[in-house]
N, C-alpha and C. Protein backbone atom coordinates (compact mmCIF):
# COMPACT_ATOMS: atom_id res chain seq x y z
N MET A 1 45.17 93.09 75.81
CA MET A 1 43.98 93.71 76.97
C MET A 1 44.43 95.08 77.22
N ASP A 2 43.06 95.69 77.22
CA ASP A 2 42.89 97.12 77.37
C ASP A 2 43.12 97.19 79.01
N LYS A 3 43.90 98.84 78.59
CA LYS A 3 44.74 98.52 79.95
C LYS A 3 44.10 100.33 80.37
N ILE A 4 44.49 100.66 81.16
CA ILE A 4 44.02 102.24 81.62
C ILE A 4 45.67 102.94 81.51
N ASP A 5 45.74 104.37 80.12
CA ASP A 5 47.18 104.78 80.68
C ASP A 5 47.28 106.00 80.50
N TYR A 6 46.20 106.88 80.45
CA TYR A 6 45.90 107.87 80.85
C TYR A 6 45.47 108.36 81.92
N ILE A 7 45.77 109.56 81.89
CA ILE A 7 44.53 110.44 83.18
C ILE A 7 44.25 111.84 82.68
N GLU A 8 42.61 112.14 82.52
CA GLU A 8 42.97 113.26 82.23
C GLU A 8 42.43 114.68 83.84
N PHE A 9 42.65 115.76 84.12
CA PHE A 9 42.55 116.61 84.72
C PHE A 9 41.62 117.37 84.78
N PRO A 10 39.77 117.76 84.65
CA PRO A 10 39.26 118.89 84.69
C PRO A 10 39.82 120.16 85.12
N THR A 11 39.73 121.50 84.35
CA THR A 11 40.04 122.89 85.42
C THR A 11 39.35 123.81 84.88
N SER A 12 38.96 124.73 85.42
CA SER A 12 38.20 125.91 85.78
C SER A 12 39.32 126.85 85.19
N ASN A 13 41.05 126.88 85.60
CA ASN A 13 42.18 127.28 84.58
C ASN A 13 43.43 126.66 84.52
N GLY A 14 43.27 126.46 83.03
CA GLY A 14 44.59 125.53 82.74
C GLY A 14 45.53 126.07 82.97
N THR A 15 45.92 127.65 83.25
CA THR A 15 47.26 127.50 83.35
C THR A 15 47.65 127.01 84.63
N ALA A 16 46.79 127.67 85.99
CA ALA A 16 46.54 128.05 87.26
C ALA A 16 47.47 126.56 87.67
N THR A 17 46.57 125.50 86.91
CA THR A 17 46.43 123.93 86.95
C THR A 17 47.98 123.72 86.65
N GLY A 18 47.86 124.00 85.73
CA GLY A 18 49.45 123.17 84.86
C GLY A 18 50.76 123.74 85.51
N LYS A 19 50.43 125.57 86.34
CA LYS A 19 51.82 125.91 86.68
C LYS A 19 51.62 125.21 88.09
N PHE A 20 50.59 124.29 88.72
CA PHE A 20 50.62 123.61 90.10
C PHE A 20 51.28 122.46 89.89
N PHE A 21 50.94 121.51 89.01
CA PHE A 21 51.68 120.17 88.75
C PHE A 21 52.97 120.39 88.64
N SER A 22 52.82 121.63 87.59
CA SER A 22 54.44 122.14 87.36
C SER A 22 55.64 122.26 88.69
N ASP A 23 55.13 122.89 89.46
CA ASP A 23 56.15 123.87 90.95
C ASP A 23 55.76 122.64 91.56
N ALA A 24 54.86 122.02 92.43
CA ALA A 24 54.56 120.86 92.77
C ALA A 24 55.30 119.83 93.12
N PHE A 25 55.21 119.01 92.04
CA PHE A 25 56.01 117.74 90.88
C PHE A 25 57.05 117.67 90.10
N GLY A 26 57.43 118.96 89.46
CA GLY A 26 57.97 118.69 88.68
C GLY A 26 57.75 118.62 87.29
N TRP A 27 56.56 118.21 86.97
CA TRP A 27 55.83 117.24 85.61
C TRP A 27 56.10 118.52 84.53
N LYS A 28 56.46 118.14 83.68
CA LYS A 28 56.85 118.91 82.28
C LYS A 28 54.99 119.07 81.88
N LEU A 29 54.93 120.91 80.87
CA LEU A 29 53.62 120.60 80.32
C LEU A 29 53.98 120.88 78.81
N ILE A 30 52.83 120.04 77.89
CA ILE A 30 52.56 119.75 76.85
C ILE A 30 51.80 121.07 76.18
N ASP A 31 52.05 121.83 75.17
CA ASP A 31 51.22 122.87 75.07
C ASP A 31 50.26 122.20 73.31
N TYR A 32 48.64 122.01 73.86
CA TYR A 32 48.30 121.26 72.76
C TYR A 32 47.26 122.28 72.23
N GLY A 33 47.07 123.30 72.88
CA GLY A 33 45.91 124.66 72.55
C GLY A 33 45.71 125.41 73.35
N PRO A 34 44.64 125.67 73.01
CA PRO A 34 43.92 127.15 74.44
C PRO A 34 43.45 126.19 76.01
N THR A 35 43.49 125.07 75.41
CA THR A 35 42.16 124.41 76.18
C THR A 35 42.62 123.06 76.80
N TYR A 36 43.92 122.58 76.19
CA TYR A 36 44.24 121.55 76.77
C TYR A 36 46.34 121.67 76.79
N THR A 37 46.72 121.09 77.92
CA THR A 37 48.04 120.50 78.32
C THR A 37 48.51 119.34 78.28
N GLY A 38 48.67 118.56 77.83
CA GLY A 38 49.85 117.32 77.81
C GLY A 38 50.46 117.34 79.42
N LEU A 39 51.00 116.50 80.14
CA LEU A 39 51.54 116.32 81.53
C LEU A 39 52.65 115.48 80.64
N ASP A 40 53.87 115.78 81.37
CA ASP A 40 55.62 114.66 81.03
C ASP A 40 56.13 114.08 82.24
N GLY A 41 55.91 113.30 82.77
CA GLY A 41 57.11 112.74 83.81
C GLY A 41 56.08 112.72 85.09
N ALA A 42 54.64 112.37 85.14
CA ALA A 42 53.81 111.96 85.63
C ALA A 42 53.48 110.72 86.13
N GLY A 43 54.83 110.20 85.70
CA GLY A 43 54.34 108.51 85.46
C GLY A 43 53.14 106.88 85.00
N ILE A 44 52.33 108.25 84.63
CA ILE A 44 51.47 107.94 83.80
C ILE A 44 50.80 108.75 82.88
N ASP A 45 50.65 108.89 81.57
CA ASP A 45 50.43 109.99 80.65
C ASP A 45 49.41 110.66 80.72
N GLY A 46 48.99 112.01 80.96
CA GLY A 46 47.96 112.89 81.53
C GLY A 46 47.93 113.70 80.71
N GLY A 47 46.62 114.82 80.87
CA GLY A 47 46.82 116.41 80.59
C GLY A 47 46.02 116.39 81.58
N ILE A 48 45.80 117.88 80.99
CA ILE A 48 44.63 118.92 81.81
C ILE A 48 43.66 119.55 81.25
N ASP A 49 42.12 119.49 81.32
CA ASP A 49 41.30 120.02 79.96
C ASP A 49 40.79 120.76 80.92
N ALA A 50 40.99 121.93 79.94
CA ALA A 50 39.95 123.28 80.41
C ALA A 50 39.24 123.57 79.26
N GLY A 51 38.82 122.85 78.19
CA GLY A 51 38.00 122.87 77.15
C GLY A 51 35.88 123.03 78.28
N ALA A 52 35.16 123.57 77.40
CA ALA A 52 34.16 123.66 77.83
C ALA A 52 33.28 122.41 78.22
N GLY A 53 33.85 121.24 77.49
CA GLY A 53 32.80 120.24 77.41
C GLY A 53 33.55 118.77 78.32
N ARG A 54 34.32 119.72 78.89
CA ARG A 54 35.34 118.55 80.22
C ARG A 54 34.69 118.24 81.33
N VAL A 55 34.48 117.18 81.44
CA VAL A 55 34.36 116.02 82.36
C VAL A 55 34.14 116.67 83.93
N ALA A 56 33.41 116.66 85.01
CA ALA A 56 33.53 116.90 86.52
C ALA A 56 34.41 116.57 87.32
N ALA A 57 34.98 115.38 86.73
CA ALA A 57 36.22 114.71 88.24
C ALA A 57 36.89 113.99 87.02
N PRO A 58 38.21 114.07 87.89
CA PRO A 58 39.44 112.93 87.06
C PRO A 58 38.95 112.35 86.21
N LEU A 59 39.24 112.45 85.05
CA LEU A 59 39.06 111.21 83.90
C LEU A 59 39.73 109.95 83.29
N ALA A 60 39.72 108.33 84.37
CA ALA A 60 40.58 107.65 83.50
C ALA A 60 40.60 106.88 82.07
N VAL A 61 41.27 107.24 81.52
CA VAL A 61 41.20 106.99 79.97
C VAL A 61 42.08 105.39 79.72
N ILE A 62 41.04 104.53 78.85
CA ILE A 62 41.28 103.64 79.11
C ILE A 62 41.67 103.38 77.37
N ARG A 63 43.20 102.12 77.33
CA ARG A 63 43.30 101.84 75.76
C ARG A 63 42.90 100.91 75.02
N ALA A 64 42.21 101.01 73.80
CA ALA A 64 41.64 99.62 73.12
C ALA A 64 41.93 99.70 71.87
N GLU A 65 42.47 98.07 71.32
CA GLU A 65 42.80 98.06 70.19
C GLU A 65 41.48 98.46 69.15
N ASP A 66 40.56 97.91 69.74
CA ASP A 66 39.67 98.66 68.77
C ASP A 66 38.60 98.96 69.57
N LEU A 67 37.94 100.77 69.22
CA LEU A 67 37.44 101.45 69.64
C LEU A 67 35.92 100.73 69.28
N ASP A 68 35.13 100.11 68.62
CA ASP A 68 33.95 99.89 68.11
C ASP A 68 33.74 98.36 69.00
N ASP A 69 35.19 97.37 68.79
CA ASP A 69 34.77 96.65 69.82
C ASP A 69 34.56 96.49 71.39
N ALA A 70 35.11 97.82 71.86
CA ALA A 70 35.20 97.95 72.77
C ALA A 70 34.04 98.66 73.20
N GLU A 71 33.33 99.58 72.47
CA GLU A 71 32.00 100.11 73.09
C GLU A 71 30.89 99.10 72.97
N ARG A 72 30.86 98.30 72.22
CA ARG A 72 30.68 96.56 72.18
C ARG A 72 30.17 96.85 73.69
N ARG A 73 31.70 95.82 73.73
CA ARG A 73 31.59 95.55 75.48
C ARG A 73 31.29 96.12 76.43
N VAL A 74 31.63 97.84 76.71
CA VAL A 74 30.82 98.37 77.20
C VAL A 74 29.49 98.55 77.60
N VAL A 75 28.63 99.10 76.87
CA VAL A 75 27.13 98.62 76.28
C VAL A 75 27.07 97.26 76.81
N ALA A 76 26.86 96.17 76.32
CA ALA A 76 26.96 94.69 76.75
C ALA A 76 27.26 94.38 78.51
N ALA A 77 27.67 95.27 78.91
CA ALA A 77 28.91 94.79 80.14
C ALA A 77 27.39 95.84 80.90
N GLY A 78 27.00 97.13 80.50
CA GLY A 78 26.11 97.81 81.26
C GLY A 78 26.41 99.37 81.28
N GLY A 79 27.47 99.50 80.49
CA GLY A 79 27.91 100.13 81.15
C GLY A 79 26.75 101.69 79.98
N ILE A 80 26.60 103.05 79.93
CA ILE A 80 26.34 104.06 79.51
C ILE A 80 26.71 105.11 78.47
N VAL A 81 27.00 104.84 77.28
CA VAL A 81 27.95 105.94 76.67
C VAL A 81 27.34 107.13 76.93
N THR A 82 28.55 107.96 77.63
CA THR A 82 27.90 109.77 78.03
C THR A 82 28.20 110.38 76.78
N ARG A 83 29.67 110.06 76.02
CA ARG A 83 30.04 111.31 74.56
C ARG A 83 30.57 109.94 73.46
N ALA A 84 29.56 109.78 72.33
CA ALA A 84 29.67 109.63 71.29
C ALA A 84 31.12 109.19 70.95
N GLN A 85 31.57 108.41 70.30
CA GLN A 85 33.16 108.83 69.74
C GLN A 85 33.57 109.71 68.49
N PHE A 86 34.59 110.09 69.29
CA PHE A 86 34.87 111.72 68.62
C PHE A 86 36.80 111.48 67.88
N ASP A 87 37.33 112.34 67.37
CA ASP A 87 38.60 112.04 66.98
C ASP A 87 39.34 113.63 67.96
N PHE A 88 40.69 112.87 67.86
CA PHE A 88 41.18 113.76 68.94
C PHE A 88 42.59 113.99 68.66
N PRO A 89 43.66 114.75 68.76
CA PRO A 89 44.78 114.49 67.92
C PRO A 89 45.43 113.12 68.55
N GLY A 90 45.72 112.55 67.85
CA GLY A 90 46.53 110.84 68.00
C GLY A 90 45.47 109.63 68.11
N GLY A 91 44.04 109.80 68.09
CA GLY A 91 43.24 108.68 68.16
C GLY A 91 41.70 109.79 68.50
N ARG A 92 40.71 108.40 68.39
CA ARG A 92 39.65 108.30 68.51
C ARG A 92 39.04 107.91 69.92
N ARG A 93 37.95 108.44 70.55
CA ARG A 93 37.71 107.83 71.92
C ARG A 93 36.24 107.90 72.00
N PHE A 94 35.33 107.51 73.53
CA PHE A 94 34.27 107.88 73.68
C PHE A 94 34.53 107.90 74.90
N HIS A 95 32.81 108.25 75.62
CA HIS A 95 33.13 108.55 76.90
C HIS A 95 32.22 107.78 77.44
N PHE A 96 32.23 107.01 78.54
CA PHE A 96 30.86 105.99 79.46
C PHE A 96 31.12 106.33 80.79
N ARG A 97 29.79 105.87 81.17
CA ARG A 97 29.30 106.01 83.00
C ARG A 97 29.07 104.27 83.08
N GLU A 98 30.56 103.84 84.09
CA GLU A 98 30.15 102.21 84.82
C GLU A 98 28.77 102.44 85.34
N PRO A 99 28.23 100.87 86.07
CA PRO A 99 27.00 101.28 86.42
C PRO A 99 26.90 101.61 87.89
N GLY A 100 28.52 101.62 88.56
CA GLY A 100 28.51 102.39 89.89
C GLY A 100 29.09 104.43 89.98
N GLY A 101 28.91 104.81 88.17
CA GLY A 101 28.79 106.04 88.31
C GLY A 101 29.95 106.61 87.97
N SER A 102 30.89 105.76 87.89
CA SER A 102 32.11 106.47 87.55
C SER A 102 31.92 107.14 85.98
N GLU A 103 32.63 108.07 85.55
CA GLU A 103 32.83 108.68 84.09
C GLU A 103 34.31 107.88 83.78
N LEU A 104 34.40 107.32 82.23
CA LEU A 104 35.42 106.77 82.08
C LEU A 104 35.88 107.11 80.70
N ALA A 105 36.95 106.97 80.03
CA ALA A 105 36.98 107.16 78.31
C ALA A 105 37.39 106.09 77.76
N VAL A 106 37.11 105.57 76.47
CA VAL A 106 38.42 104.19 76.06
C VAL A 106 38.65 104.79 74.95
N TYR A 107 39.90 104.71 74.44
CA TYR A 107 39.66 105.49 73.03
C TYR A 107 41.33 104.46 72.43
N ALA A 108 41.29 104.67 71.46
CA ALA A 108 42.02 103.43 70.26
C ALA A 108 42.72 104.91 69.11
N GLU A 109 44.12 104.42 69.10
CA GLU A 109 44.95 105.05 68.68
C GLU A 109 44.94 104.92 67.19
N LYS A 110 45.50 106.24 66.33
CA LYS A 110 44.69 106.37 64.73
C LYS A 110 45.79 105.31 64.09
N SER A 111 45.52 104.73 63.25
CA SER A 111 46.59 103.62 62.48
C SER A 111 46.86 104.27 61.24
């Protein structure tokens, strides 16, 4: 069964957002490069995305065993792919918008 297991927070200032989460909640920060910081200790895995192509709102990320199958199911259920499959450290994912307007992502780990 697919499940939500990651959340991404978009930001225009990754340093300030990371410092806020660390100071306010004690979450540890994991540096993944100039535009992405991982979160540790938040209760769910997560990250801070300061990249140019970031989404506009927090992004729930669903883990799937088979990414191609998950994409077929999303489209068949009425979802619209908003970002085609792409590689990222640790896996591959795509973004979609569900019929009510929320954007989410689905990923599968690299095998």
